[in-house]
Amino acid sequence: MDQRTSGADALTHKTDATPALLGVVCGLSAALFWALGFAGTRHGLKVGFTPVDLLVHRYVWSGIAFLPLVLRAGISDLCGIGWGRGLVLMVLGGPVMALISYAGFMFVPLGHGSVIQPSCATLGGLLLAAVFLKEKISASRLIGALVIVGGLGVIGAESIGHIGADGVQGDLIFVLTGLMFAGFGALLRHWRVSAVSAALVINVLSLLLLPVYLATGGLARLAAIGISENAIQALAQGVLAGPGALYLYAVSVQRLGVARAAVFPAIVPALTLLVGWLLLGEAPTTLQLAGLGTVLCGFYLAQRQR
């Protein structure tokens, strides 16, 4: 009887552990895909793509794939989100934000954008949660925010001391895009829009920009760069960093819960530095590593509930 009970307990434990393990694997994969997207952006700019070219790879292919889903759900009200809200979300968390972010990598190394943008998204999210959504912010999260600011100061010091005016400009671009994404997240919560619905609508609305791109000779520019490089960007931006990462992160949230899954976006900066070093040969500097370590400590504190 005892052996049967222990066997049943072991089976139950194994069954309970399987969804959690799947959630961890999906969360880590999503973080890696986002990191590969950052690295792909840096590489693409180096080989001759413009920020607008990368934007096409990021949104057009997935927009075409998602168009039937949005048409089926209702194009008149954009899946229940509405055109007004959909356009606002497209600016704050879609191609407008992405275009500004891509431009930032023209001024600073990979280690700056991949740390500053998520950090400012976290800081902006905490501020908007307190002021706009009236959420109570714990002492731990406030301390975490201050630690993140300290880490950003370390990275900013490198721009001022070693890169110059271009470095400061690039860093400020990523501050802006991080705050834009924080506004995007706050509006999703305020309007109670699911991340999946928002992703579908944003990608489809991005198709409105395609005629302008075609009219300005964009396809000729893509063709001149070559098939292999375009395939890399279509994979990195249009599949991995876009719908692939979003889907995997959504599965992670479903399996682990919002609080536990929140750790995975926080490790994107570290993974991006590692991927950039291994694939692009951009070894992080001492100041970048110091800023990253400080920011990761701040992320940990900012995600605690107490």
C-alpha atoms as a PDB file:
ATOM      1  CA  MET A   1       0.000   0.000   0.000  1.00  0.00           C
ATOM      2  CA  ASP A   2       2.817   2.401   0.930  1.00  0.00           C
ATOM      3  CA  GLN A   3       4.652   1.538  -2.270  1.00  0.00           C
ATOM      4  CA  ARG A   4       1.515   2.280  -4.291  1.00  0.00           C
ATOM      5  CA  THR A   5       1.116   5.620  -2.536  1.00  0.00           C
ATOM      6  CA  SER A   6       4.740   6.615  -3.073  1.00  0.00           C
ATOM      7  CA  GLY A   7       4.516   5.550  -6.725  1.00  0.00           C
ATOM      8  CA  ALA A   8       1.376   7.633  -7.222  1.00  0.00           C
ATOM      9  CA  ASP A   9       3.025  10.621  -5.524  1.00  0.00           C
ATOM     10  CA  ALA A  10       6.066  10.308  -7.773  1.00  0.00           C
ATOM     11  CA  LEU A  11       3.850  10.121 -10.853  1.00  0.00           C
ATOM     12  CA  THR A  12       1.880  13.170  -9.732  1.00  0.00           C
ATOM     13  CA  HIS A  13       5.089  15.100  -9.061  1.00  0.00           C
ATOM     14  CA  LYS A  14       6.409  14.181 -12.507  1.00  0.00           C
ATOM     15  CA  THR A  15       3.142  15.255 -14.121  1.00  0.00           C
ATOM     16  CA  ASP A  16       3.204  18.598 -12.291  1.00  0.00           C
ATOM     17  CA  ALA A  17       6.856  19.181 -13.172  1.00  0.00           C
ATOM     18  CA  THR A  18       6.363  18.674 -16.905  1.00  0.00           C
ATOM     19  CA  PRO A  19       4.395  21.911 -17.579  1.00  0.00           C
ATOM     20  CA  ALA A  20       6.865  23.873 -15.435  1.00  0.00           C
ATOM     21  CA  LEU A  21       9.816  22.463 -17.362  1.00  0.00           C
ATOM     22  CA  LEU A  22       8.104  23.317 -20.643  1.00  0.00           C
ATOM     23  CA  GLY A  23       7.529  26.855 -19.370  1.00  0.00           C
ATOM     24  CA  VAL A  24      11.197  27.271 -18.485  1.00  0.00           C
ATOM     25  CA  VAL A  25      12.349  25.940 -21.860  1.00  0.00           C
ATOM     26  CA  CYS A  26       9.941  28.229 -23.707  1.00  0.00           C
ATOM     27  CA  GLY A  27      10.948  31.252 -21.607  1.00  0.00           C
ATOM     28  CA  LEU A  28      14.654  30.675 -22.184  1.00  0.00           C
ATOM     29  CA  SER A  29      14.033  30.163 -25.901  1.00  0.00           C
ATOM     30  CA  ALA A  30      12.066  33.419 -26.107  1.00  0.00           C
ATOM     31  CA  ALA A  31      14.895  35.302 -24.384  1.00  0.00           C
ATOM     32  CA  LEU A  32      17.417  33.771 -26.791  1.00  0.00           C
ATOM     33  CA  PHE A  33      15.271  34.691 -29.793  1.00  0.00           C
ATOM     34  CA  TRP A  34      15.051  38.314 -28.617  1.00  0.00           C
ATOM     35  CA  ALA A  35      18.824  38.364 -28.143  1.00  0.00           C
ATOM     36  CA  LEU A  36      19.324  36.991 -31.658  1.00  0.00           C
ATOM     37  CA  GLY A  37      17.044  39.748 -32.933  1.00  0.00           C
ATOM     38  CA  PHE A  38      19.256  42.415 -31.327  1.00  0.00           C
ATOM     39  CA  ALA A  39      22.372  40.798 -32.772  1.00  0.00           C
ATOM     40  CA  GLY A  40      20.711  40.458 -36.173  1.00  0.00           C
ATOM     41  CA  THR A  41      19.912  44.174 -36.161  1.00  0.00           C
ATOM     42  CA  ARG A  42      23.517  45.105 -35.423  1.00  0.00           C
ATOM     43  CA  HIS A  43      24.791  42.743 -38.125  1.00  0.00           C
ATOM     44  CA  GLY A  44      22.236  43.960 -40.656  1.00  0.00           C
ATOM     45  CA  LEU A  45      23.249  47.594 -40.248  1.00  0.00           C
ATOM     46  CA  LYS A  46      26.889  46.622 -40.706  1.00  0.00           C
ATOM     47  CA  VAL A  47      26.284  44.847 -44.020  1.00  0.00           C
ATOM     48  CA  GLY A  48      24.283  47.696 -45.532  1.00  0.00           C
ATOM     49  CA  PHE A  49      20.646  47.414 -44.501  1.00  0.00           C
ATOM     50  CA  THR A  50      18.930  50.626 -43.467  1.00  0.00           C
ATOM     51  CA  PRO A  51      16.665  50.734 -40.407  1.00  0.00           C
ATOM     52  CA  VAL A  52      13.675  50.792 -42.761  1.00  0.00           C
ATOM     53  CA  ASP A  53      14.901  47.630 -44.530  1.00  0.00           C
ATOM     54  CA  LEU A  54      15.122  45.829 -41.205  1.00  0.00           C
ATOM     55  CA  LEU A  55      11.658  47.080 -40.347  1.00  0.00           C
ATOM     56  CA  VAL A  56      10.268  45.386 -43.442  1.00  0.00           C
ATOM     57  CA  HIS A  57      11.831  42.068 -42.459  1.00  0.00           C
ATOM     58  CA  ARG A  58      10.532  42.460 -38.913  1.00  0.00           C
ATOM     59  CA  TYR A  59       6.882  43.175 -39.713  1.00  0.00           C
ATOM     60  CA  VAL A  60       5.901  42.567 -43.335  1.00  0.00           C
ATOM     61  CA  TRP A  61       6.309  38.789 -43.485  1.00  0.00           C
ATOM     62  CA  SER A  62       4.500  38.188 -40.212  1.00  0.00           C
ATOM     63  CA  GLY A  63       1.910  40.817 -41.193  1.00  0.00           C
ATOM     64  CA  ILE A  64       1.115  38.876 -44.366  1.00  0.00           C
ATOM     65  CA  ALA A  65       0.907  35.630 -42.370  1.00  0.00           C
ATOM     66  CA  PHE A  66      -1.377  37.173 -39.725  1.00  0.00           C
ATOM     67  CA  LEU A  67      -3.670  39.047 -42.131  1.00  0.00           C
ATOM     68  CA  PRO A  68      -6.148  36.141 -42.579  1.00  0.00           C
ATOM     69  CA  LEU A  69      -6.457  35.816 -38.783  1.00  0.00           C
ATOM     70  CA  VAL A  70      -7.280  39.508 -38.354  1.00  0.00           C
ATOM     71  CA  LEU A  71      -9.718  39.436 -41.284  1.00  0.00           C
ATOM     72  CA  ARG A  72     -11.471  36.452 -39.726  1.00  0.00           C
ATOM     73  CA  ALA A  73     -11.650  38.116 -36.286  1.00  0.00           C
ATOM     74  CA  GLY A  74     -12.936  41.373 -37.747  1.00  0.00           C
ATOM     75  CA  ILE A  75     -10.966  44.064 -39.569  1.00  0.00           C
ATOM     76  CA  SER A  76     -13.606  46.740 -38.906  1.00  0.00           C
ATOM     77  CA  ASP A  77     -12.748  46.878 -35.193  1.00  0.00           C
ATOM     78  CA  LEU A  78      -9.278  45.249 -35.407  1.00  0.00           C
ATOM     79  CA  CYS A  79     -10.048  42.145 -33.362  1.00  0.00           C
ATOM     80  CA  GLY A  80     -12.022  44.209 -30.865  1.00  0.00           C
ATOM     81  CA  ILE A  81      -9.106  46.560 -30.140  1.00  0.00           C
ATOM     82  CA  GLY A  82     -10.338  49.414 -32.340  1.00  0.00           C
ATOM     83  CA  TRP A  83      -8.469  51.438 -34.945  1.00  0.00           C
ATOM     84  CA  GLY A  84      -7.591  54.308 -32.627  1.00  0.00           C
ATOM     85  CA  ARG A  85      -6.080  52.087 -29.966  1.00  0.00           C
ATOM     86  CA  GLY A  86      -4.480  49.873 -32.588  1.00  0.00           C
ATOM     87  CA  LEU A  87      -2.649  52.811 -34.150  1.00  0.00           C
ATOM     88  CA  VAL A  88      -1.433  54.017 -30.742  1.00  0.00           C
ATOM     89  CA  LEU A  89      -0.116  50.544 -29.946  1.00  0.00           C
ATOM     90  CA  MET A  90       1.555  50.409 -33.364  1.00  0.00           C
ATOM     91  CA  VAL A  91       3.474  53.598 -32.555  1.00  0.00           C
ATOM     92  CA  LEU A  92       4.527  52.678 -29.022  1.00  0.00           C
ATOM     93  CA  GLY A  93       5.236  48.976 -29.469  1.00  0.00           C
ATOM     94  CA  GLY A  94       5.406  48.398 -33.209  1.00  0.00           C
ATOM     95  CA  PRO A  95       7.232  49.647 -36.295  1.00  0.00           C
ATOM     96  CA  VAL A  96       7.616  53.254 -35.163  1.00  0.00           C
ATOM     97  CA  MET A  97       9.341  52.229 -31.932  1.00  0.00           C
ATOM     98  CA  ALA A  98      11.361  49.561 -33.744  1.00  0.00           C
ATOM     99  CA  LEU A  99      12.549  52.000 -36.412  1.00  0.00           C
ATOM    100  CA  ILE A 100      13.859  54.407 -33.780  1.00  0.00           C
ATOM    101  CA  SER A 101      15.513  51.515 -31.946  1.00  0.00           C
ATOM    102  CA  TYR A 102      17.246  50.249 -35.099  1.00  0.00           C
ATOM    103  CA  ALA A 103      18.641  53.737 -35.693  1.00  0.00           C
ATOM    104  CA  GLY A 104      20.206  53.685 -32.232  1.00  0.00           C
ATOM    105  CA  PHE A 105      22.535  50.837 -33.203  1.00  0.00           C
ATOM    106  CA  MET A 106      24.080  53.125 -35.831  1.00  0.00           C
ATOM    107  CA  PHE A 107      25.657  55.140 -33.005  1.00  0.00           C
ATOM    108  CA  VAL A 108      26.530  52.737 -30.179  1.00  0.00           C
ATOM    109  CA  PRO A 109      27.694  49.117 -29.738  1.00  0.00           C
ATOM    110  CA  LEU A 110      25.344  46.202 -29.206  1.00  0.00           C
ATOM    111  CA  GLY A 111      25.958  46.195 -25.454  1.00  0.00           C
ATOM    112  CA  HIS A 112      24.404  49.628 -25.039  1.00  0.00           C
ATOM    113  CA  GLY A 113      21.065  49.158 -26.782  1.00  0.00           C
ATOM    114  CA  SER A 114      20.509  45.649 -25.466  1.00  0.00           C
ATOM    115  CA  VAL A 115      20.881  46.848 -21.864  1.00  0.00           C
ATOM    116  CA  ILE A 116      19.525  50.408 -21.925  1.00  0.00           C
ATOM    117  CA  GLN A 117      16.269  49.713 -23.785  1.00  0.00           C
ATOM    118  CA  PRO A 118      15.001  46.864 -21.537  1.00  0.00           C
ATOM    119  CA  SER A 119      16.166  48.734 -18.449  1.00  0.00           C
ATOM    120  CA  CYS A 120      14.275  51.889 -19.353  1.00  0.00           C
ATOM    121  CA  ALA A 121      11.252  49.765 -20.231  1.00  0.00           C
ATOM    122  CA  THR A 122      11.362  48.365 -16.696  1.00  0.00           C
ATOM    123  CA  LEU A 123      11.844  51.797 -15.115  1.00  0.00           C
ATOM    124  CA  GLY A 124       9.097  53.339 -17.220  1.00  0.00           C
ATOM    125  CA  GLY A 125       6.807  50.417 -16.455  1.00  0.00           C
ATOM    126  CA  LEU A 126       7.257  50.901 -12.711  1.00  0.00           C
ATOM    127  CA  LEU A 127       6.611  54.635 -13.003  1.00  0.00           C
ATOM    128  CA  LEU A 128       3.501  54.231 -15.143  1.00  0.00           C
ATOM    129  CA  ALA A 129       2.201  51.443 -12.913  1.00  0.00           C
ATOM    130  CA  ALA A 130       2.412  53.771  -9.923  1.00  0.00           C
ATOM    131  CA  VAL A 131       1.185  57.004 -11.521  1.00  0.00           C
ATOM    132  CA  PHE A 132      -1.142  55.866 -14.306  1.00  0.00           C
ATOM    133  CA  LEU A 133      -2.437  52.474 -13.129  1.00  0.00           C
ATOM    134  CA  LYS A 134      -2.366  53.381  -9.401  1.00  0.00           C
ATOM    135  CA  GLU A 135      -0.508  50.196  -8.464  1.00  0.00           C
ATOM    136  CA  LYS A 136       1.341  50.011  -5.163  1.00  0.00           C
ATOM    137  CA  ILE A 137       5.115  49.760  -5.695  1.00  0.00           C
ATOM    138  CA  SER A 138       6.999  47.812  -3.043  1.00  0.00           C
ATOM    139  CA  ALA A 139      10.196  49.032  -1.404  1.00  0.00           C
ATOM    140  CA  SER A 140      12.126  46.250  -3.114  1.00  0.00           C
ATOM    141  CA  ARG A 141      10.998  47.448  -6.520  1.00  0.00           C
ATOM    142  CA  LEU A 142      11.921  51.041  -5.735  1.00  0.00           C
ATOM    143  CA  ILE A 143      15.385  49.934  -4.654  1.00  0.00           C
ATOM    144  CA  GLY A 144      15.640  47.831  -7.804  1.00  0.00           C
ATOM    145  CA  ALA A 145      14.758  50.874  -9.914  1.00  0.00           C
ATOM    146  CA  LEU A 146      17.512  52.903  -8.269  1.00  0.00           C
ATOM    147  CA  VAL A 147      20.013  50.101  -8.861  1.00  0.00           C
ATOM    148  CA  ILE A 148      19.012  49.963 -12.541  1.00  0.00           C
ATOM    149  CA  VAL A 149      19.561  53.715 -12.814  1.00  0.00           C
ATOM    150  CA  GLY A 150      23.031  53.204 -11.347  1.00  0.00           C
ATOM    151  CA  GLY A 151      23.796  50.535 -13.959  1.00  0.00           C
ATOM    152  CA  LEU A 152      22.610  52.833 -16.743  1.00  0.00           C
ATOM    153  CA  GLY A 153      24.880  55.523 -15.351  1.00  0.00           C
ATOM    154  CA  VAL A 154      27.867  53.187 -15.709  1.00  0.00           C
ATOM    155  CA  ILE A 155      27.035  52.489 -19.355  1.00  0.00           C
ATOM    156  CA  GLY A 156      26.343  56.161 -20.012  1.00  0.00           C
ATOM    157  CA  ALA A 157      29.764  57.025 -18.602  1.00  0.00           C
ATOM    158  CA  GLU A 158      31.342  54.899 -21.348  1.00  0.00           C
ATOM    159  CA  SER A 159      29.450  56.860 -24.003  1.00  0.00           C
ATOM    160  CA  ILE A 160      30.526  60.187 -22.565  1.00  0.00           C
ATOM    161  CA  GLY A 161      34.140  59.186 -21.947  1.00  0.00           C
ATOM    162  CA  HIS A 162      34.956  56.917 -24.892  1.00  0.00           C
ATOM    163  CA  ILE A 163      32.403  57.273 -27.701  1.00  0.00           C
ATOM    164  CA  GLY A 164      31.491  60.944 -27.545  1.00  0.00           C
ATOM    165  CA  ALA A 165      28.430  62.809 -28.783  1.00  0.00           C
ATOM    166  CA  ASP A 166      27.318  59.947 -31.042  1.00  0.00           C
ATOM    167  CA  GLY A 167      27.375  57.595 -28.066  1.00  0.00           C
ATOM    168  CA  VAL A 168      25.230  59.907 -25.965  1.00  0.00           C
ATOM    169  CA  GLN A 169      22.799  60.304 -28.861  1.00  0.00           C
ATOM    170  CA  GLY A 170      22.549  56.531 -29.300  1.00  0.00           C
ATOM    171  CA  ASP A 171      21.997  55.966 -25.595  1.00  0.00           C
ATOM    172  CA  LEU A 172      19.237  58.579 -25.493  1.00  0.00           C
ATOM    173  CA  ILE A 173      17.534  56.878 -28.441  1.00  0.00           C
ATOM    174  CA  PHE A 174      17.368  53.663 -26.431  1.00  0.00           C
ATOM    175  CA  VAL A 175      16.084  55.537 -23.391  1.00  0.00           C
ATOM    176  CA  LEU A 176      13.264  56.849 -25.587  1.00  0.00           C
ATOM    177  CA  THR A 177      12.394  53.457 -27.082  1.00  0.00           C
ATOM    178  CA  GLY A 178      12.465  51.818 -23.657  1.00  0.00           C
ATOM    179  CA  LEU A 179      10.002  54.386 -22.339  1.00  0.00           C
ATOM    180  CA  MET A 180       7.832  53.942 -25.433  1.00  0.00           C
ATOM    181  CA  PHE A 181       7.656  50.210 -24.804  1.00  0.00           C
ATOM    182  CA  ALA A 182       6.783  50.879 -21.164  1.00  0.00           C
ATOM    183  CA  GLY A 183       3.854  52.976 -22.364  1.00  0.00           C
ATOM    184  CA  PHE A 184       2.864  50.153 -24.688  1.00  0.00           C
ATOM    185  CA  GLY A 185       2.788  47.670 -21.797  1.00  0.00           C
ATOM    186  CA  ALA A 186       0.851  50.047 -19.560  1.00  0.00           C
ATOM    187  CA  LEU A 187      -1.807  50.597 -22.225  1.00  0.00           C
ATOM    188  CA  LEU A 188      -2.128  46.861 -22.797  1.00  0.00           C
ATOM    189  CA  ARG A 189      -2.959  46.449 -19.107  1.00  0.00           C
ATOM    190  CA  HIS A 190      -5.186  49.522 -18.970  1.00  0.00           C
ATOM    191  CA  TRP A 191      -7.160  48.538 -22.073  1.00  0.00           C
ATOM    192  CA  ARG A 192      -7.021  44.821 -21.158  1.00  0.00           C
ATOM    193  CA  VAL A 193      -5.643  43.833 -24.542  1.00  0.00           C
ATOM    194  CA  SER A 194      -3.877  40.479 -24.765  1.00  0.00           C
ATOM    195  CA  ALA A 195      -0.291  40.468 -26.046  1.00  0.00           C
ATOM    196  CA  VAL A 196      -1.225  38.020 -28.796  1.00  0.00           C
ATOM    197  CA  SER A 197      -4.094  40.199 -30.084  1.00  0.00           C
ATOM    198  CA  ALA A 198      -1.849  43.254 -29.995  1.00  0.00           C
ATOM    199  CA  ALA A 199       0.874  41.429 -31.939  1.00  0.00           C
ATOM    200  CA  LEU A 200      -1.593  40.340 -34.622  1.00  0.00           C
ATOM    201  CA  VAL A 201      -2.982  43.844 -35.051  1.00  0.00           C
ATOM    202  CA  ILE A 202       0.406  45.611 -35.009  1.00  0.00           C
ATOM    203  CA  ASN A 203       1.906  43.319 -37.625  1.00  0.00           C
ATOM    204  CA  VAL A 204      -1.113  43.682 -39.917  1.00  0.00           C
ATOM    205  CA  LEU A 205      -1.258  47.476 -39.528  1.00  0.00           C
ATOM    206  CA  SER A 206       2.432  47.587 -40.459  1.00  0.00           C
ATOM    207  CA  LEU A 207       1.444  46.463 -43.962  1.00  0.00           C
ATOM    208  CA  LEU A 208       0.109  50.005 -44.473  1.00  0.00           C
ATOM    209  CA  LEU A 209       3.737  51.149 -44.711  1.00  0.00           C
ATOM    210  CA  LEU A 210       4.612  48.675 -47.479  1.00  0.00           C
ATOM    211  CA  PRO A 211       3.376  50.762 -50.471  1.00  0.00           C
ATOM    212  CA  VAL A 212       5.589  53.677 -49.397  1.00  0.00           C
ATOM    213  CA  TYR A 213       8.581  51.339 -49.091  1.00  0.00           C
ATOM    214  CA  LEU A 214       7.982  49.858 -52.539  1.00  0.00           C
ATOM    215  CA  ALA A 215       7.519  53.301 -54.089  1.00  0.00           C
ATOM    216  CA  THR A 216      10.889  54.477 -52.763  1.00  0.00           C
ATOM    217  CA  GLY A 217      12.874  51.617 -54.308  1.00  0.00           C
ATOM    218  CA  GLY A 218      13.184  49.472 -51.218  1.00  0.00           C
ATOM    219  CA  LEU A 219      13.071  46.148 -53.041  1.00  0.00           C
ATOM    220  CA  ALA A 220      15.993  47.105 -55.265  1.00  0.00           C
ATOM    221  CA  ARG A 221      18.040  47.904 -52.178  1.00  0.00           C
ATOM    222  CA  LEU A 222      17.217  44.541 -50.611  1.00  0.00           C
ATOM    223  CA  ALA A 223      18.097  42.711 -53.831  1.00  0.00           C
ATOM    224  CA  ALA A 224      21.470  44.445 -54.002  1.00  0.00           C
ATOM    225  CA  ILE A 225      22.463  43.101 -50.574  1.00  0.00           C
ATOM    226  CA  GLY A 226      21.893  39.467 -51.548  1.00  0.00           C
ATOM    227  CA  ILE A 227      19.663  36.504 -50.814  1.00  0.00           C
ATOM    228  CA  SER A 228      21.650  35.069 -47.895  1.00  0.00           C
ATOM    229  CA  GLU A 229      21.711  38.301 -45.891  1.00  0.00           C
ATOM    230  CA  ASN A 230      18.022  38.878 -46.517  1.00  0.00           C
ATOM    231  CA  ALA A 231      17.276  35.333 -45.393  1.00  0.00           C
ATOM    232  CA  ILE A 232      19.204  35.958 -42.166  1.00  0.00           C
ATOM    233  CA  GLN A 233      17.150  39.064 -41.414  1.00  0.00           C
ATOM    234  CA  ALA A 234      13.855  37.421 -42.375  1.00  0.00           C
ATOM    235  CA  LEU A 235      14.646  34.668 -39.878  1.00  0.00           C
ATOM    236  CA  ALA A 236      16.108  36.840 -37.114  1.00  0.00           C
ATOM    237  CA  GLN A 237      13.578  39.677 -37.287  1.00  0.00           C
ATOM    238  CA  GLY A 238      10.485  38.224 -38.940  1.00  0.00           C
ATOM    239  CA  VAL A 239      10.410  34.849 -37.195  1.00  0.00           C
ATOM    240  CA  LEU A 240      12.601  34.622 -34.093  1.00  0.00           C
ATOM    241  CA  ALA A 241      12.447  38.112 -32.531  1.00  0.00           C
ATOM    242  CA  GLY A 242       8.854  38.629 -33.654  1.00  0.00           C
ATOM    243  CA  PRO A 243       6.092  36.015 -33.510  1.00  0.00           C
ATOM    244  CA  GLY A 244       8.414  33.189 -32.420  1.00  0.00           C
ATOM    245  CA  ALA A 245       9.563  34.905 -29.222  1.00  0.00           C
ATOM    246  CA  LEU A 246       6.077  36.237 -28.471  1.00  0.00           C
ATOM    247  CA  TYR A 247       4.484  32.808 -28.774  1.00  0.00           C
ATOM    248  CA  LEU A 248       7.117  31.110 -26.627  1.00  0.00           C
ATOM    249  CA  TYR A 249       6.884  33.807 -23.966  1.00  0.00           C
ATOM    250  CA  ALA A 250       3.088  33.503 -23.932  1.00  0.00           C
ATOM    251  CA  VAL A 251       3.437  29.740 -23.341  1.00  0.00           C
ATOM    252  CA  SER A 252       5.915  30.453 -20.553  1.00  0.00           C
ATOM    253  CA  VAL A 253       3.473  32.840 -18.854  1.00  0.00           C
ATOM    254  CA  GLN A 254       0.699  30.278 -19.191  1.00  0.00           C
ATOM    255  CA  ARG A 255       2.795  27.487 -17.655  1.00  0.00           C
ATOM    256  CA  LEU A 256       4.659  29.453 -14.969  1.00  0.00           C
ATOM    257  CA  GLY A 257       2.562  32.538 -14.258  1.00  0.00           C
ATOM    258  CA  VAL A 258       3.362  36.191 -14.920  1.00  0.00           C
ATOM    259  CA  ALA A 259       5.680  36.711 -11.935  1.00  0.00           C
ATOM    260  CA  ARG A 260       7.913  33.690 -12.602  1.00  0.00           C
ATOM    261  CA  ALA A 261       7.992  34.247 -16.364  1.00  0.00           C
ATOM    262  CA  ALA A 262       9.093  37.875 -15.888  1.00  0.00           C
ATOM    263  CA  VAL A 263      12.649  36.709 -15.249  1.00  0.00           C
ATOM    264  CA  PHE A 264      13.165  35.721 -18.888  1.00  0.00           C
ATOM    265  CA  PRO A 265      12.995  39.222 -20.465  1.00  0.00           C
ATOM    266  CA  ALA A 266      15.400  40.308 -17.717  1.00  0.00           C
ATOM    267  CA  ILE A 267      18.124  37.968 -18.969  1.00  0.00           C
ATOM    268  CA  VAL A 268      17.907  39.239 -22.567  1.00  0.00           C
ATOM    269  CA  PRO A 269      20.700  41.831 -22.057  1.00  0.00           C
ATOM    270  CA  ALA A 270      23.140  39.180 -20.812  1.00  0.00           C
ATOM    271  CA  LEU A 271      22.236  36.789 -23.622  1.00  0.00           C
ATOM    272  CA  THR A 272      22.581  39.590 -26.175  1.00  0.00           C
ATOM    273  CA  LEU A 273      26.093  40.413 -25.031  1.00  0.00           C
ATOM    274  CA  LEU A 274      27.002  36.730 -25.188  1.00  0.00           C
ATOM    275  CA  VAL A 275      25.452  36.249 -28.642  1.00  0.00           C
ATOM    276  CA  GLY A 276      27.092  39.428 -29.927  1.00  0.00           C
ATOM    277  CA  TRP A 277      30.456  38.232 -28.707  1.00  0.00           C
ATOM    278  CA  LEU A 278      30.118  34.725 -30.171  1.00  0.00           C
ATOM    279  CA  LEU A 279      28.457  35.599 -33.494  1.00  0.00           C
ATOM    280  CA  LEU A 280      29.604  39.150 -34.228  1.00  0.00           C
ATOM    281  CA  GLY A 281      32.925  39.257 -32.414  1.00  0.00           C
ATOM    282  CA  GLU A 282      31.874  42.295 -30.322  1.00  0.00           C
ATOM    283  CA  ALA A 283      33.465  41.585 -26.974  1.00  0.00           C
ATOM    284  CA  PRO A 284      31.802  43.582 -24.170  1.00  0.00           C
ATOM    285  CA  THR A 285      33.937  46.188 -22.452  1.00  0.00           C
ATOM    286  CA  THR A 286      34.595  46.281 -18.732  1.00  0.00           C
ATOM    287  CA  LEU A 287      32.154  49.154 -18.254  1.00  0.00           C
ATOM    288  CA  GLN A 288      29.457  47.349 -20.237  1.00  0.00           C
ATOM    289  CA  LEU A 289      29.874  44.231 -18.076  1.00  0.00           C
ATOM    290  CA  ALA A 290      29.821  46.328 -14.899  1.00  0.00           C
ATOM    291  CA  GLY A 291      26.681  48.119 -16.049  1.00  0.00           C
ATOM    292  CA  LEU A 292      25.067  44.833 -17.040  1.00  0.00           C
ATOM    293  CA  GLY A 293      25.802  43.237 -13.660  1.00  0.00           C
ATOM    294  CA  THR A 294      24.345  46.227 -11.853  1.00  0.00           C
ATOM    295  CA  VAL A 295      21.248  46.271 -14.054  1.00  0.00           C
ATOM    296  CA  LEU A 296      20.636  42.536 -13.541  1.00  0.00           C
ATOM    297  CA  CYS A 297      20.705  43.051  -9.773  1.00  0.00           C
ATOM    298  CA  GLY A 298      18.191  45.845 -10.230  1.00  0.00           C
ATOM    299  CA  PHE A 299      15.991  43.607 -12.392  1.00  0.00           C
ATOM    300  CA  TYR A 300      15.975  40.982  -9.642  1.00  0.00           C
ATOM    301  CA  LEU A 301      14.902  43.476  -7.012  1.00  0.00           C
ATOM    302  CA  ALA A 302      12.374  45.173  -9.299  1.00  0.00           C
ATOM    303  CA  GLN A 303      10.589  41.880  -9.954  1.00  0.00           C
ATOM    304  CA  ARG A 304      10.153  40.980  -6.289  1.00  0.00           C
ATOM    305  CA  GLN A 305       6.724  41.556  -4.808  1.00  0.00           C
ATOM    306  CA  ARG A 306       7.925  42.613  -1.343  1.00  0.00           C
END
